Amino acid sequence: MPLVGLGLEVRKTNGTLVHLLITGLDGDRVTLDANHRLAGKNLMVQLDLLDILGHAWSGLYGTPTQVAKRKRGSVWWSSAC
């Protein structure tokens, strides 16, 4: 018996496994959500900037080497996905 919140795994004809979540039940109809479980969530990512390639900034923030020196170390970034 299906229940709201129950997770399912369905294999597509090409062999890809798709994770689904039951989000609604209405009589003989079932609503499924195939979004990634982190879709719409805020994520906290830690990264170390190692190098900046190219000259896309045109000196606005300094040379790529100057910018890389200022950005070394851990940088925290949060964004909704």
C-alpha atoms as a PDB file:
ATOM      1  CA  MET A   1       0.000   0.000   0.000  1.00  0.00           C
ATOM      2  CA  PRO A   2       1.479   3.378  -0.983  1.00  0.00           C
ATOM      3  CA  LEU A   3       2.026   5.981   1.734  1.00  0.00           C
ATOM      4  CA  VAL A   4       2.896   9.689   1.431  1.00  0.00           C
ATOM      5  CA  GLY A   5       6.611  10.062   2.138  1.00  0.00           C
ATOM      6  CA  LEU A   6       7.479   6.574   0.909  1.00  0.00           C
ATOM      7  CA  GLY A   7      10.519   6.485  -1.369  1.00  0.00           C
ATOM      8  CA  LEU A   8      10.613   4.326  -4.476  1.00  0.00           C
ATOM      9  CA  GLU A   9      13.304   3.326  -6.937  1.00  0.00           C
ATOM     10  CA  VAL A  10      12.259   2.781 -10.543  1.00  0.00           C
ATOM     11  CA  ARG A  11      14.554   1.499 -13.281  1.00  0.00           C
ATOM     12  CA  LYS A  12      14.043   3.181 -16.658  1.00  0.00           C
ATOM     13  CA  THR A  13      14.223   1.188 -19.889  1.00  0.00           C
ATOM     14  CA  ASN A  14      17.821   2.400 -20.423  1.00  0.00           C
ATOM     15  CA  GLY A  15      18.835   0.963 -17.031  1.00  0.00           C
ATOM     16  CA  THR A  16      19.031   4.294 -15.174  1.00  0.00           C
ATOM     17  CA  LEU A  17      17.741   4.152 -11.611  1.00  0.00           C
ATOM     18  CA  VAL A  18      15.337   6.980 -10.675  1.00  0.00           C
ATOM     19  CA  HIS A  19      14.525   7.812  -7.045  1.00  0.00           C
ATOM     20  CA  LEU A  20      10.923   8.900  -6.497  1.00  0.00           C
ATOM     21  CA  LEU A  21       8.995  10.140  -3.474  1.00  0.00           C
ATOM     22  CA  ILE A  22       5.245   9.741  -3.001  1.00  0.00           C
ATOM     23  CA  THR A  23       3.945  13.255  -2.282  1.00  0.00           C
ATOM     24  CA  GLY A  24       0.214  12.732  -2.604  1.00  0.00           C
ATOM     25  CA  LEU A  25      -2.572  10.182  -2.703  1.00  0.00           C
ATOM     26  CA  ASP A  26      -6.084  10.820  -4.028  1.00  0.00           C
ATOM     27  CA  GLY A  27      -8.252   7.759  -4.496  1.00  0.00           C
ATOM     28  CA  ASP A  28      -6.553   5.672  -7.169  1.00  0.00           C
ATOM     29  CA  ARG A  29      -4.101   8.470  -8.121  1.00  0.00           C
ATOM     30  CA  VAL A  30      -0.538   8.770  -6.783  1.00  0.00           C
ATOM     31  CA  THR A  31       1.589  11.922  -7.109  1.00  0.00           C
ATOM     32  CA  LEU A  32       5.324  11.299  -7.418  1.00  0.00           C
ATOM     33  CA  ASP A  33       8.262  13.693  -7.043  1.00  0.00           C
ATOM     34  CA  ALA A  34      11.429  12.860  -9.014  1.00  0.00           C
ATOM     35  CA  ASN A  35      13.455  15.913  -7.905  1.00  0.00           C
ATOM     36  CA  HIS A  36      16.784  15.387  -6.156  1.00  0.00           C
ATOM     37  CA  ARG A  37      16.263  15.326  -2.383  1.00  0.00           C
ATOM     38  CA  LEU A  38      18.347  18.517  -2.034  1.00  0.00           C
ATOM     39  CA  ALA A  39      16.445  20.458  -4.714  1.00  0.00           C
ATOM     40  CA  GLY A  40      15.315  23.800  -3.300  1.00  0.00           C
ATOM     41  CA  LYS A  41      17.502  23.500  -0.194  1.00  0.00           C
ATOM     42  CA  ASN A  42      20.303  25.823   0.897  1.00  0.00           C
ATOM     43  CA  LEU A  43      23.688  24.155   0.641  1.00  0.00           C
ATOM     44  CA  MET A  44      26.879  25.077   2.477  1.00  0.00           C
ATOM     45  CA  VAL A  45      29.974  24.287   0.424  1.00  0.00           C
ATOM     46  CA  GLN A  46      33.581  24.604   1.558  1.00  0.00           C
ATOM     47  CA  LEU A  47      36.206  25.018  -1.134  1.00  0.00           C
ATOM     48  CA  ASP A  48      39.818  26.029  -1.587  1.00  0.00           C
ATOM     49  CA  LEU A  49      40.486  28.327  -4.540  1.00  0.00           C
ATOM     50  CA  LEU A  50      43.700  27.079  -6.119  1.00  0.00           C
ATOM     51  CA  ASP A  51      43.989  29.167  -9.275  1.00  0.00           C
ATOM     52  CA  ILE A  52      42.198  31.641 -11.505  1.00  0.00           C
ATOM     53  CA  LEU A  53      42.627  31.102 -15.232  1.00  0.00           C
ATOM     54  CA  GLY A  54      42.151  33.671 -17.957  1.00  0.00           C
ATOM     55  CA  HIS A  55      41.674  37.421 -17.871  1.00  0.00           C
ATOM     56  CA  ALA A  56      37.889  37.710 -17.781  1.00  0.00           C
ATOM     57  CA  TRP A  57      37.986  40.247 -14.933  1.00  0.00           C
ATOM     58  CA  SER A  58      39.998  42.803 -16.956  1.00  0.00           C
ATOM     59  CA  GLY A  59      41.896  44.043 -13.917  1.00  0.00           C
ATOM     60  CA  LEU A  60      38.758  45.181 -12.085  1.00  0.00           C
ATOM     61  CA  TYR A  61      39.773  43.275  -8.953  1.00  0.00           C
ATOM     62  CA  GLY A  62      43.515  43.224  -9.651  1.00  0.00           C
ATOM     63  CA  THR A  63      45.515  40.719 -11.622  1.00  0.00           C
ATOM     64  CA  PRO A  64      44.513  37.038 -11.404  1.00  0.00           C
ATOM     65  CA  THR A  65      47.572  36.430  -9.197  1.00  0.00           C
ATOM     66  CA  GLN A  66      46.587  39.235  -6.773  1.00  0.00           C
ATOM     67  CA  VAL A  67      43.013  37.965  -6.618  1.00  0.00           C
ATOM     68  CA  ALA A  68      44.181  34.379  -6.018  1.00  0.00           C
ATOM     69  CA  LYS A  69      46.404  35.528  -3.126  1.00  0.00           C
ATOM     70  CA  ARG A  70      43.468  37.325  -1.493  1.00  0.00           C
ATOM     71  CA  LYS A  71      41.152  34.339  -1.989  1.00  0.00           C
ATOM     72  CA  ARG A  72      43.457  31.580  -0.675  1.00  0.00           C
ATOM     73  CA  GLY A  73      42.051  29.566   2.202  1.00  0.00           C
ATOM     74  CA  SER A  74      38.574  28.380   2.911  1.00  0.00           C
ATOM     75  CA  VAL A  75      35.652  30.208   1.362  1.00  0.00           C
ATOM     76  CA  TRP A  76      32.056  29.625   2.476  1.00  0.00           C
ATOM     77  CA  TRP A  77      29.296  30.008  -0.077  1.00  0.00           C
ATOM     78  CA  SER A  78      25.566  29.439   0.334  1.00  0.00           C
ATOM     79  CA  SER A  79      23.052  29.322  -2.458  1.00  0.00           C
ATOM     80  CA  ALA A  80      19.608  27.819  -3.019  1.00  0.00           C
ATOM     81  CA  CYS A  81      19.674  25.161  -5.710  1.00  0.00           C
END
